[in-house]
Amino acid sequence: MSRSYPPVSLLGAPTDIGAGHRGAGLGPEALRIAGLPEALAARGIDVVDRGNLDGPRNPWQPPTDGYRHLGEVVEWNRVVMEGVAAELAAGRMPILLGGDHCLGIGSITAVANHCRKAGKKLRVIWLDAHADFNTHNVTPSGNIHGMPVACLCGLGPQELTQLGGNAPALHPSEIRQIGIRSVDEGEKRLVQEHGLDVYDMRYIDEVGMKRAMEEALDGVDADTHVHVSFDVDFLDPSIAPGVGTTVPGGPNYREAQLVMEMIADSGGMGSLDIVELNPLLDAQNATAKLAVDLVESLFGKSTLMRD
C-alpha cells in the first residue's frame, strides 16, 4: 500500500470571485493554520508553500448576461492555470488551496494540457455535493462556481472553455463525480445529455461507497494521472459546517476517509484542488482540520492494521 510521492507545491488562490458568499478567499490561510504543510511534511513529503497567487479583487456585482464577475473569473483562472502548469512542468505535484470551485477551470485545464503533452490518460475525481454543470441560460444565480465542469467540457463562454487553447479541456468520459446530491433542474438535463458519470448519494446509499469508488477508479493504471478536485461541501455539513453551500445527506467521516484511502491506493494522484472552505462559517477551524486529515489519507495515511 505504501508509495513514494513527488515533491508537492502548495498554491493559494484566495478569492471568492465565483461564489455567492464572501469568505472562501480565506480558505488558503485556514488550511495553513490547520497544519496542512506540516502534516504533509510529517509523512516524509517534500513540501514547498509557494504562497498565494494574485488576481483581481471581488467587485461583488450582480450577473451580466448570466455570468457574475466573468472578467475577474477569467483572470483568476488564467493565473491558476499558469501556476499549476509551472509546477507540473517542474515535476512537482500542485495542490491548489482555494478559493471557490470556479478555480477548478484553470487548475484542470493545466492538468489536461500536461497530460496531453506527456501522453498520459486523465481521470478527474470530482468530490462535491453539486454537479457544477450549469450554463448562463440555466443557472439560477449566475455564480460561476456552479459552472466549472460545464466550462471544462466545452459549455460556456469562450474565454473559459478555451482558456488553455483547447476546447474542450475535458471529455465527459474523463470525469467521475462523487457525492452529488444537489442539481438544478436545467442542469440535470445537461448532465444527462452529456453523459456525465455521476455517483450520487442515492447510488452510494444503494451500493455502498466501496463499490462506487471501485467503479469510479476502474481503468486507472500507471499511465493515468488522477486529479482530485475536493470541494469541502462534498462532506455532510454535520462534520463540515465551514462551507457556503451546505447540503445535508453527504458522506460521513468514515465514508470520506474510505474515498481518500482508495484514491491513495490507486497510486495515480498527480494533482489536487481543495476548494470552497469558508472559515467565516466554520466552528474553530474544525472543517479545515478535517480537510487536512482527509488530505493526509490521500497521501497514504490509513487505518489498515493488515499488510
C-alpha atoms as a PDB file:
ATOM      1  CA  MET A   1       0.000   0.000   0.000  1.00  0.00           C
ATOM      2  CA  SER A   2       2.951   2.364   0.574  1.00  0.00           C
ATOM      3  CA  ARG A   3       4.258   4.536  -2.235  1.00  0.00           C
ATOM      4  CA  SER A   4       6.529   7.485  -2.719  1.00  0.00           C
ATOM      5  CA  TYR A   5       5.136  10.856  -3.755  1.00  0.00           C
ATOM      6  CA  PRO A   6       6.676  13.563  -5.902  1.00  0.00           C
ATOM      7  CA  PRO A   7       7.563  16.846  -4.244  1.00  0.00           C
ATOM      8  CA  VAL A   8       4.466  18.905  -3.501  1.00  0.00           C
ATOM      9  CA  SER A   9       3.830  22.602  -4.073  1.00  0.00           C
ATOM     10  CA  LEU A  10       1.051  24.464  -2.286  1.00  0.00           C
ATOM     11  CA  LEU A  11      -0.541  27.296  -4.264  1.00  0.00           C
ATOM     12  CA  GLY A  12      -3.023  29.565  -2.517  1.00  0.00           C
ATOM     13  CA  ALA A  13      -5.810  31.192  -4.544  1.00  0.00           C
ATOM     14  CA  PRO A  14      -7.526  33.482  -2.018  1.00  0.00           C
ATOM     15  CA  THR A  15     -10.677  34.508  -3.847  1.00  0.00           C
ATOM     16  CA  ASP A  16     -14.441  34.050  -3.656  1.00  0.00           C
ATOM     17  CA  ILE A  17     -14.844  35.576  -7.119  1.00  0.00           C
ATOM     18  CA  GLY A  18     -17.100  32.776  -8.411  1.00  0.00           C
ATOM     19  CA  ALA A  19     -19.152  32.230  -5.260  1.00  0.00           C
ATOM     20  CA  GLY A  20     -22.344  33.618  -3.812  1.00  0.00           C
ATOM     21  CA  HIS A  21     -20.978  34.111  -0.293  1.00  0.00           C
ATOM     22  CA  ARG A  22     -17.932  36.009   0.924  1.00  0.00           C
ATOM     23  CA  GLY A  23     -15.282  34.060   2.819  1.00  0.00           C
ATOM     24  CA  ALA A  24     -13.875  31.327   0.569  1.00  0.00           C
ATOM     25  CA  GLY A  25     -10.941  33.639  -0.111  1.00  0.00           C
ATOM     26  CA  LEU A  26      -9.830  32.972   3.455  1.00  0.00           C
ATOM     27  CA  GLY A  27      -9.636  29.234   2.787  1.00  0.00           C
ATOM     28  CA  PRO A  28      -5.918  29.002   1.957  1.00  0.00           C
ATOM     29  CA  GLU A  29      -4.875  30.587   5.234  1.00  0.00           C
ATOM     30  CA  ALA A  30      -7.321  28.425   7.204  1.00  0.00           C
ATOM     31  CA  LEU A  31      -5.753  25.293   5.688  1.00  0.00           C
ATOM     32  CA  ARG A  32      -2.289  26.549   6.585  1.00  0.00           C
ATOM     33  CA  ILE A  33      -3.378  27.352  10.141  1.00  0.00           C
ATOM     34  CA  ALA A  34      -4.889  23.852  10.377  1.00  0.00           C
ATOM     35  CA  GLY A  35      -1.413  22.485   9.669  1.00  0.00           C
ATOM     36  CA  LEU A  36      -1.537  21.225   6.088  1.00  0.00           C
ATOM     37  CA  PRO A  37       2.133  21.888   5.242  1.00  0.00           C
ATOM     38  CA  GLU A  38       3.326  20.287   8.475  1.00  0.00           C
ATOM     39  CA  ALA A  39       1.011  17.281   8.089  1.00  0.00           C
ATOM     40  CA  LEU A  40       2.389  16.503   4.641  1.00  0.00           C
ATOM     41  CA  ALA A  41       5.984  17.061   5.729  1.00  0.00           C
ATOM     42  CA  ALA A  42       5.421  14.642   8.638  1.00  0.00           C
ATOM     43  CA  ARG A  43       4.600  11.982   6.037  1.00  0.00           C
ATOM     44  CA  GLY A  44       8.050  12.424   4.532  1.00  0.00           C
ATOM     45  CA  ILE A  45       6.853  14.513   1.595  1.00  0.00           C
ATOM     46  CA  ASP A  46       8.964  17.369   0.235  1.00  0.00           C
ATOM     47  CA  VAL A  47       6.578  20.330   0.595  1.00  0.00           C
ATOM     48  CA  VAL A  48       7.080  23.882  -0.594  1.00  0.00           C
ATOM     49  CA  ASP A  49       4.463  26.557   0.052  1.00  0.00           C
ATOM     50  CA  ARG A  50       4.571  28.954  -2.896  1.00  0.00           C
ATOM     51  CA  GLY A  51       2.363  31.421  -1.048  1.00  0.00           C
ATOM     52  CA  ASN A  52      -0.691  32.978  -2.654  1.00  0.00           C
ATOM     53  CA  LEU A  53      -1.352  33.722  -6.291  1.00  0.00           C
ATOM     54  CA  ASP A  54      -2.644  37.199  -7.001  1.00  0.00           C
ATOM     55  CA  GLY A  55      -5.695  38.172  -9.018  1.00  0.00           C
ATOM     56  CA  PRO A  56      -8.368  40.852  -9.194  1.00  0.00           C
ATOM     57  CA  ARG A  57     -10.384  41.857  -6.177  1.00  0.00           C
ATOM     58  CA  ASN A  58     -14.024  40.787  -5.905  1.00  0.00           C
ATOM     59  CA  PRO A  59     -16.208  43.691  -7.124  1.00  0.00           C
ATOM     60  CA  TRP A  60     -19.333  41.986  -5.744  1.00  0.00           C
ATOM     61  CA  GLN A  61     -21.550  42.930  -8.667  1.00  0.00           C
ATOM     62  CA  PRO A  62     -24.757  41.272  -9.991  1.00  0.00           C
ATOM     63  CA  PRO A  63     -24.601  38.954 -13.024  1.00  0.00           C
ATOM     64  CA  THR A  64     -24.273  40.311 -16.553  1.00  0.00           C
ATOM     65  CA  ASP A  65     -25.722  38.139 -19.334  1.00  0.00           C
ATOM     66  CA  GLY A  66     -25.932  35.185 -16.936  1.00  0.00           C
ATOM     67  CA  TYR A  67     -22.355  35.401 -15.612  1.00  0.00           C
ATOM     68  CA  ARG A  68     -21.197  37.053 -12.421  1.00  0.00           C
ATOM     69  CA  HIS A  69     -17.706  38.580 -12.460  1.00  0.00           C
ATOM     70  CA  LEU A  70     -16.788  36.870 -15.738  1.00  0.00           C
ATOM     71  CA  GLY A  71     -13.741  39.039 -16.455  1.00  0.00           C
ATOM     72  CA  GLU A  72     -12.336  38.561 -12.978  1.00  0.00           C
ATOM     73  CA  VAL A  73     -13.072  34.821 -13.045  1.00  0.00           C
ATOM     74  CA  VAL A  74     -11.179  34.501 -16.338  1.00  0.00           C
ATOM     75  CA  GLU A  75      -8.166  36.352 -14.932  1.00  0.00           C
ATOM     76  CA  TRP A  76      -8.064  34.278 -11.741  1.00  0.00           C
ATOM     77  CA  ASN A  77      -8.291  31.056 -13.725  1.00  0.00           C
ATOM     78  CA  ARG A  78      -5.518  32.180 -16.050  1.00  0.00           C
ATOM     79  CA  VAL A  79      -3.264  32.833 -13.058  1.00  0.00           C
ATOM     80  CA  VAL A  80      -4.169  29.442 -11.550  1.00  0.00           C
ATOM     81  CA  MET A  81      -3.616  27.650 -14.862  1.00  0.00           C
ATOM     82  CA  GLU A  82      -0.163  29.169 -15.250  1.00  0.00           C
ATOM     83  CA  GLY A  83       0.795  28.419 -11.642  1.00  0.00           C
ATOM     84  CA  VAL A  84      -0.341  24.787 -11.786  1.00  0.00           C
ATOM     85  CA  ALA A  85       1.280  24.283 -15.196  1.00  0.00           C
ATOM     86  CA  ALA A  86       4.630  25.557 -13.919  1.00  0.00           C
ATOM     87  CA  GLU A  87       4.633  23.102 -11.008  1.00  0.00           C
ATOM     88  CA  LEU A  88       3.696  20.163 -13.240  1.00  0.00           C
ATOM     89  CA  ALA A  89       6.423  21.096 -15.730  1.00  0.00           C
ATOM     90  CA  ALA A  90       8.920  21.099 -12.864  1.00  0.00           C
ATOM     91  CA  GLY A  91       7.913  17.557 -11.886  1.00  0.00           C
ATOM     92  CA  ARG A  92       6.067  18.665  -8.761  1.00  0.00           C
ATOM     93  CA  MET A  93       2.544  17.863  -7.556  1.00  0.00           C
ATOM     94  CA  PRO A  94       0.447  21.035  -7.321  1.00  0.00           C
ATOM     95  CA  ILE A  95      -2.091  21.374  -4.532  1.00  0.00           C
ATOM     96  CA  LEU A  96      -4.396  24.330  -5.148  1.00  0.00           C
ATOM     97  CA  LEU A  97      -5.714  25.871  -1.944  1.00  0.00           C
ATOM     98  CA  GLY A  98      -8.959  27.654  -2.798  1.00  0.00           C
ATOM     99  CA  GLY A  99     -10.847  29.773  -3.007  1.00  0.00           C
ATOM    100  CA  ASP A 100     -14.102  28.796  -4.638  1.00  0.00           C
ATOM    101  CA  HIS A 101     -14.611  25.961  -7.132  1.00  0.00           C
ATOM    102  CA  CYS A 102     -14.618  28.143 -10.259  1.00  0.00           C
ATOM    103  CA  LEU A 103     -10.817  27.861  -9.914  1.00  0.00           C
ATOM    104  CA  GLY A 104     -11.067  24.230 -10.986  1.00  0.00           C
ATOM    105  CA  ILE A 105     -11.337  25.507 -14.556  1.00  0.00           C
ATOM    106  CA  GLY A 106      -7.793  26.849 -14.526  1.00  0.00           C
ATOM    107  CA  SER A 107      -6.358  24.032 -12.447  1.00  0.00           C
ATOM    108  CA  ILE A 108      -7.821  21.190 -14.513  1.00  0.00           C
ATOM    109  CA  THR A 109      -7.130  22.940 -17.832  1.00  0.00           C
ATOM    110  CA  ALA A 110      -3.444  22.995 -16.849  1.00  0.00           C
ATOM    111  CA  VAL A 111      -3.544  19.331 -15.827  1.00  0.00           C
ATOM    112  CA  ALA A 112      -5.318  18.319 -19.052  1.00  0.00           C
ATOM    113  CA  ASN A 113      -2.720  20.146 -21.162  1.00  0.00           C
ATOM    114  CA  HIS A 114       0.072  18.493 -19.170  1.00  0.00           C
ATOM    115  CA  CYS A 115      -1.445  15.054 -19.735  1.00  0.00           C
ATOM    116  CA  ARG A 116      -1.742  15.656 -23.476  1.00  0.00           C
ATOM    117  CA  LYS A 117       1.923  16.668 -23.668  1.00  0.00           C
ATOM    118  CA  ALA A 118       3.036  13.716 -21.525  1.00  0.00           C
ATOM    119  CA  GLY A 119       0.833  11.200 -23.350  1.00  0.00           C
ATOM    120  CA  LYS A 120      -0.977  10.231 -20.146  1.00  0.00           C
ATOM    121  CA  LYS A 121      -4.638   9.450 -19.605  1.00  0.00           C
ATOM    122  CA  LEU A 122      -6.549  11.802 -17.309  1.00  0.00           C
ATOM    123  CA  ARG A 123      -9.107  10.838 -14.684  1.00  0.00           C
ATOM    124  CA  VAL A 124     -10.744  13.653 -12.713  1.00  0.00           C
ATOM    125  CA  ILE A 125     -12.341  12.643  -9.411  1.00  0.00           C
ATOM    126  CA  TRP A 126     -14.798  15.435  -8.593  1.00  0.00           C
ATOM    127  CA  LEU A 127     -15.818  15.278  -4.920  1.00  0.00           C
ATOM    128  CA  ASP A 128     -18.758  17.626  -4.481  1.00  0.00           C
ATOM    129  CA  ALA A 129     -22.366  17.996  -3.371  1.00  0.00           C
ATOM    130  CA  HIS A 130     -23.069  19.736  -6.696  1.00  0.00           C
ATOM    131  CA  ALA A 131     -22.628  18.725 -10.339  1.00  0.00           C
ATOM    132  CA  ASP A 132     -21.353  22.233 -11.236  1.00  0.00           C
ATOM    133  CA  PHE A 133     -22.690  21.784 -14.785  1.00  0.00           C
ATOM    134  CA  ASN A 134     -24.728  24.970 -15.077  1.00  0.00           C
ATOM    135  CA  THR A 135     -24.571  27.343 -18.028  1.00  0.00           C
ATOM    136  CA  HIS A 136     -25.527  31.001 -18.282  1.00  0.00           C
ATOM    137  CA  ASN A 137     -29.024  30.173 -19.526  1.00  0.00           C
ATOM    138  CA  VAL A 138     -29.906  27.611 -16.834  1.00  0.00           C
ATOM    139  CA  THR A 139     -28.070  28.997 -13.785  1.00  0.00           C
ATOM    140  CA  PRO A 140     -30.349  30.276 -11.022  1.00  0.00           C
ATOM    141  CA  SER A 141     -27.621  32.596  -9.682  1.00  0.00           C
ATOM    142  CA  GLY A 142     -25.010  33.467 -12.323  1.00  0.00           C
ATOM    143  CA  ASN A 143     -22.291  32.328  -9.907  1.00  0.00           C
ATOM    144  CA  ILE A 144     -19.546  30.684 -11.954  1.00  0.00           C
ATOM    145  CA  HIS A 145     -18.577  28.278  -9.152  1.00  0.00           C
ATOM    146  CA  GLY A 146     -21.661  26.378 -10.313  1.00  0.00           C
ATOM    147  CA  MET A 147     -20.307  26.090 -13.874  1.00  0.00           C
ATOM    148  CA  PRO A 148     -16.712  24.746 -13.888  1.00  0.00           C
ATOM    149  CA  VAL A 149     -17.456  21.213 -15.104  1.00  0.00           C
ATOM    150  CA  ALA A 150     -19.603  22.565 -17.936  1.00  0.00           C
ATOM    151  CA  CYS A 151     -16.828  25.004 -18.930  1.00  0.00           C
ATOM    152  CA  LEU A 152     -14.208  22.257 -18.848  1.00  0.00           C
ATOM    153  CA  CYS A 153     -16.430  20.144 -21.116  1.00  0.00           C
ATOM    154  CA  GLY A 154     -16.832  22.999 -23.600  1.00  0.00           C
ATOM    155  CA  LEU A 155     -20.125  24.567 -22.480  1.00  0.00           C
ATOM    156  CA  GLY A 156     -19.685  28.193 -21.535  1.00  0.00           C
ATOM    157  CA  PRO A 157     -18.018  31.444 -22.555  1.00  0.00           C
ATOM    158  CA  GLN A 158     -15.116  31.072 -24.967  1.00  0.00           C
ATOM    159  CA  GLU A 159     -12.795  32.864 -22.530  1.00  0.00           C
ATOM    160  CA  LEU A 160     -13.153  29.898 -20.153  1.00  0.00           C
ATOM    161  CA  THR A 161     -13.807  26.951 -22.490  1.00  0.00           C
ATOM    162  CA  GLN A 162     -10.680  27.862 -24.481  1.00  0.00           C
ATOM    163  CA  LEU A 163      -8.582  29.057 -21.559  1.00  0.00           C
ATOM    164  CA  GLY A 164      -5.773  26.647 -22.363  1.00  0.00           C
ATOM    165  CA  GLY A 165      -6.094  26.751 -26.150  1.00  0.00           C
ATOM    166  CA  ASN A 166      -8.192  23.592 -26.374  1.00  0.00           C
ATOM    167  CA  ALA A 167     -11.953  23.331 -26.369  1.00  0.00           C
ATOM    168  CA  PRO A 168     -12.992  21.367 -24.534  1.00  0.00           C
ATOM    169  CA  ALA A 169     -10.276  20.777 -21.930  1.00  0.00           C
ATOM    170  CA  LEU A 170     -12.090  17.599 -20.852  1.00  0.00           C
ATOM    171  CA  HIS A 171     -14.319  14.980 -22.383  1.00  0.00           C
ATOM    172  CA  PRO A 172     -17.155  13.941 -20.031  1.00  0.00           C
ATOM    173  CA  SER A 173     -15.741  10.392 -20.046  1.00  0.00           C
ATOM    174  CA  GLU A 174     -12.662  11.655 -18.166  1.00  0.00           C
ATOM    175  CA  ILE A 175     -14.545  12.804 -15.069  1.00  0.00           C
ATOM    176  CA  ARG A 176     -16.248  10.922 -12.223  1.00  0.00           C
ATOM    177  CA  GLN A 177     -18.462  12.869  -9.831  1.00  0.00           C
ATOM    178  CA  ILE A 178     -18.839  11.506  -6.297  1.00  0.00           C
ATOM    179  CA  GLY A 179     -21.314  12.539  -3.585  1.00  0.00           C
ATOM    180  CA  ILE A 180     -23.651  14.613  -5.773  1.00  0.00           C
ATOM    181  CA  ARG A 181     -26.966  15.482  -4.118  1.00  0.00           C
ATOM    182  CA  SER A 182     -27.936  18.957  -5.337  1.00  0.00           C
ATOM    183  CA  VAL A 183     -28.541  19.508  -9.064  1.00  0.00           C
ATOM    184  CA  ASP A 184     -30.629  22.314 -10.546  1.00  0.00           C
ATOM    185  CA  GLU A 185     -33.428  21.301 -12.929  1.00  0.00           C
ATOM    186  CA  GLY A 186     -31.923  22.722 -16.111  1.00  0.00           C
ATOM    187  CA  GLU A 187     -28.520  21.464 -15.044  1.00  0.00           C
ATOM    188  CA  LYS A 188     -29.889  17.934 -14.604  1.00  0.00           C
ATOM    189  CA  ARG A 189     -30.954  17.873 -18.250  1.00  0.00           C
ATOM    190  CA  LEU A 190     -27.484  18.959 -19.384  1.00  0.00           C
ATOM    191  CA  VAL A 191     -25.788  16.338 -17.188  1.00  0.00           C
ATOM    192  CA  GLN A 192     -27.924  13.633 -18.782  1.00  0.00           C
ATOM    193  CA  GLU A 193     -27.435  14.957 -22.325  1.00  0.00           C
ATOM    194  CA  HIS A 194     -23.652  14.936 -21.973  1.00  0.00           C
ATOM    195  CA  GLY A 195     -23.463  11.567 -20.219  1.00  0.00           C
ATOM    196  CA  LEU A 196     -21.559  12.586 -17.095  1.00  0.00           C
ATOM    197  CA  ASP A 197     -20.586   9.660 -14.878  1.00  0.00           C
ATOM    198  CA  VAL A 198     -22.268  10.657 -11.608  1.00  0.00           C
ATOM    199  CA  TYR A 199     -22.191   8.635  -8.390  1.00  0.00           C
ATOM    200  CA  ASP A 200     -24.858  10.485  -6.470  1.00  0.00           C
ATOM    201  CA  MET A 201     -25.764   9.847  -2.843  1.00  0.00           C
ATOM    202  CA  ARG A 202     -28.748   7.690  -3.810  1.00  0.00           C
ATOM    203  CA  TYR A 203     -26.417   5.356  -5.730  1.00  0.00           C
ATOM    204  CA  ILE A 204     -23.865   5.392  -2.909  1.00  0.00           C
ATOM    205  CA  ASP A 205     -26.607   4.543  -0.410  1.00  0.00           C
ATOM    206  CA  GLU A 206     -27.705   1.629  -2.590  1.00  0.00           C
ATOM    207  CA  VAL A 207     -24.350   0.022  -3.414  1.00  0.00           C
ATOM    208  CA  GLY A 208     -22.018   1.431  -0.757  1.00  0.00           C
ATOM    209  CA  MET A 209     -19.063   3.784  -1.051  1.00  0.00           C
ATOM    210  CA  LYS A 210     -16.562   0.977  -1.666  1.00  0.00           C
ATOM    211  CA  ARG A 211     -18.276  -0.223  -4.829  1.00  0.00           C
ATOM    212  CA  ALA A 212     -18.921   3.310  -6.054  1.00  0.00           C
ATOM    213  CA  MET A 213     -15.223   4.168  -5.731  1.00  0.00           C
ATOM    214  CA  GLU A 214     -14.145   0.906  -7.339  1.00  0.00           C
ATOM    215  CA  GLU A 215     -16.257   1.866 -10.349  1.00  0.00           C
ATOM    216  CA  ALA A 216     -15.037   5.470 -10.353  1.00  0.00           C
ATOM    217  CA  LEU A 217     -11.404   4.326 -10.305  1.00  0.00           C
ATOM    218  CA  ASP A 218     -11.859   1.465 -12.768  1.00  0.00           C
ATOM    219  CA  GLY A 219      -9.257   1.682 -15.514  1.00  0.00           C
ATOM    220  CA  VAL A 220      -6.801   3.832 -13.566  1.00  0.00           C
ATOM    221  CA  ASP A 221      -3.331   2.436 -14.216  1.00  0.00           C
ATOM    222  CA  ALA A 222       0.299   3.528 -14.291  1.00  0.00           C
ATOM    223  CA  ASP A 223      -0.393   5.648 -17.379  1.00  0.00           C
ATOM    224  CA  THR A 224      -3.214   7.588 -15.676  1.00  0.00           C
ATOM    225  CA  HIS A 225      -2.904  10.976 -13.995  1.00  0.00           C
ATOM    226  CA  VAL A 226      -5.621  11.264 -11.342  1.00  0.00           C
ATOM    227  CA  HIS A 227      -6.674  14.790 -10.485  1.00  0.00           C
ATOM    228  CA  VAL A 228      -8.747  15.129  -7.309  1.00  0.00           C
ATOM    229  CA  SER A 229     -10.974  18.199  -7.087  1.00  0.00           C
ATOM    230  CA  PHE A 230     -12.148  18.240  -3.461  1.00  0.00           C
ATOM    231  CA  ASP A 231     -14.971  20.652  -2.727  1.00  0.00           C
ATOM    232  CA  VAL A 232     -15.345  20.597   1.039  1.00  0.00           C
ATOM    233  CA  ASP A 233     -19.156  20.704   0.700  1.00  0.00           C
ATOM    234  CA  PHE A 234     -18.813  17.098  -0.538  1.00  0.00           C
ATOM    235  CA  LEU A 235     -18.871  16.243   3.171  1.00  0.00           C
ATOM    236  CA  ASP A 236     -22.008  16.143   5.275  1.00  0.00           C
ATOM    237  CA  PRO A 237     -22.448  19.549   6.974  1.00  0.00           C
ATOM    238  CA  SER A 238     -22.748  17.831  10.364  1.00  0.00           C
ATOM    239  CA  ILE A 239     -18.987  17.238  10.180  1.00  0.00           C
ATOM    240  CA  ALA A 240     -18.028  20.098   7.830  1.00  0.00           C
ATOM    241  CA  PRO A 241     -20.068  23.252   8.522  1.00  0.00           C
ATOM    242  CA  GLY A 242     -17.484  25.661   7.103  1.00  0.00           C
ATOM    243  CA  VAL A 243     -18.809  25.952   3.536  1.00  0.00           C
ATOM    244  CA  GLY A 244     -21.118  28.430   1.819  1.00  0.00           C
ATOM    245  CA  THR A 245     -23.438  25.909   0.182  1.00  0.00           C
ATOM    246  CA  THR A 246     -24.195  23.165   2.698  1.00  0.00           C
ATOM    247  CA  VAL A 247     -26.344  20.259   1.510  1.00  0.00           C
ATOM    248  CA  PRO A 248     -27.495  17.636   4.053  1.00  0.00           C
ATOM    249  CA  GLY A 249     -27.038  13.954   3.364  1.00  0.00           C
ATOM    250  CA  GLY A 250     -23.395  13.849   2.341  1.00  0.00           C
ATOM    251  CA  PRO A 251     -20.667  11.326   3.147  1.00  0.00           C
ATOM    252  CA  ASN A 252     -19.865  10.832   6.804  1.00  0.00           C
ATOM    253  CA  TYR A 253     -16.355  10.803   8.233  1.00  0.00           C
ATOM    254  CA  ARG A 254     -15.639   7.134   7.613  1.00  0.00           C
ATOM    255  CA  GLU A 255     -17.074   7.191   4.092  1.00  0.00           C
ATOM    256  CA  ALA A 256     -14.932  10.215   3.272  1.00  0.00           C
ATOM    257  CA  GLN A 257     -11.840   8.513   4.685  1.00  0.00           C
ATOM    258  CA  LEU A 258     -12.553   5.456   2.538  1.00  0.00           C
ATOM    259  CA  VAL A 259     -12.812   7.648  -0.573  1.00  0.00           C
ATOM    260  CA  MET A 260      -9.418   9.192   0.137  1.00  0.00           C
ATOM    261  CA  GLU A 261      -7.772   5.893   1.055  1.00  0.00           C
ATOM    262  CA  MET A 262      -8.993   4.217  -2.123  1.00  0.00           C
ATOM    263  CA  ILE A 263      -7.712   7.107  -4.256  1.00  0.00           C
ATOM    264  CA  ALA A 264      -4.367   6.780  -2.472  1.00  0.00           C
ATOM    265  CA  ASP A 265      -4.364   3.013  -3.083  1.00  0.00           C
ATOM    266  CA  SER A 266      -4.815   3.641  -6.829  1.00  0.00           C
ATOM    267  CA  GLY A 267      -1.349   5.196  -6.849  1.00  0.00           C
ATOM    268  CA  GLY A 268      -2.384   7.640  -9.545  1.00  0.00           C
ATOM    269  CA  MET A 269      -2.951  11.010  -7.857  1.00  0.00           C
ATOM    270  CA  GLY A 270      -0.864  13.700  -9.513  1.00  0.00           C
ATOM    271  CA  SER A 271      -2.667  16.923  -8.551  1.00  0.00           C
ATOM    272  CA  LEU A 272      -5.266  18.184  -6.089  1.00  0.00           C
ATOM    273  CA  ASP A 273      -7.679  21.072  -5.518  1.00  0.00           C
ATOM    274  CA  ILE A 274      -9.087  21.867  -2.062  1.00  0.00           C
ATOM    275  CA  VAL A 275     -11.857  24.420  -2.516  1.00  0.00           C
ATOM    276  CA  GLU A 276     -14.906  26.133  -1.004  1.00  0.00           C
ATOM    277  CA  LEU A 277     -13.632  26.122   2.584  1.00  0.00           C
ATOM    278  CA  ASN A 278     -15.188  29.166   4.236  1.00  0.00           C
ATOM    279  CA  PRO A 279     -13.742  29.789   7.713  1.00  0.00           C
ATOM    280  CA  LEU A 280     -16.268  32.589   8.348  1.00  0.00           C
ATOM    281  CA  LEU A 281     -18.934  29.871   8.556  1.00  0.00           C
ATOM    282  CA  ASP A 282     -16.778  27.350  10.429  1.00  0.00           C
ATOM    283  CA  ALA A 283     -16.527  26.471  14.117  1.00  0.00           C
ATOM    284  CA  GLN A 284     -12.977  26.903  15.476  1.00  0.00           C
ATOM    285  CA  ASN A 285     -11.464  25.909  12.117  1.00  0.00           C
ATOM    286  CA  ALA A 286     -12.889  22.381  12.533  1.00  0.00           C
ATOM    287  CA  THR A 287     -13.702  21.979   8.826  1.00  0.00           C
ATOM    288  CA  ALA A 288     -10.172  22.984   7.819  1.00  0.00           C
ATOM    289  CA  LYS A 289      -8.729  20.496  10.310  1.00  0.00           C
ATOM    290  CA  LEU A 290     -10.968  17.770   8.906  1.00  0.00           C
ATOM    291  CA  ALA A 291      -9.878  18.657   5.364  1.00  0.00           C
ATOM    292  CA  VAL A 292      -6.231  18.325   6.414  1.00  0.00           C
ATOM    293  CA  ASP A 293      -6.990  14.947   7.983  1.00  0.00           C
ATOM    294  CA  LEU A 294      -8.598  13.742   4.753  1.00  0.00           C
ATOM    295  CA  VAL A 295      -5.735  15.047   2.622  1.00  0.00           C
ATOM    296  CA  GLU A 296      -3.350  13.059   4.802  1.00  0.00           C
ATOM    297  CA  SER A 297      -5.352   9.980   3.816  1.00  0.00           C
ATOM    298  CA  LEU A 298      -4.917  10.931   0.149  1.00  0.00           C
ATOM    299  CA  PHE A 299      -1.196  10.726   0.861  1.00  0.00           C
ATOM    300  CA  GLY A 300      -1.288   7.283   2.386  1.00  0.00           C
ATOM    301  CA  LYS A 301      -2.366   7.659   5.986  1.00  0.00           C
ATOM    302  CA  SER A 302      -4.547   4.642   6.680  1.00  0.00           C
ATOM    303  CA  THR A 303      -6.328   2.893   9.494  1.00  0.00           C
ATOM    304  CA  LEU A 304      -5.435  -0.501   7.991  1.00  0.00           C
ATOM    305  CA  MET A 305      -3.938  -2.909  10.502  1.00  0.00           C
ATOM    306  CA  ARG A 306      -3.028  -5.531   7.924  1.00  0.00           C
ATOM    307  CA  ASP A 307      -0.170  -5.820   5.460  1.00  0.00           C
END
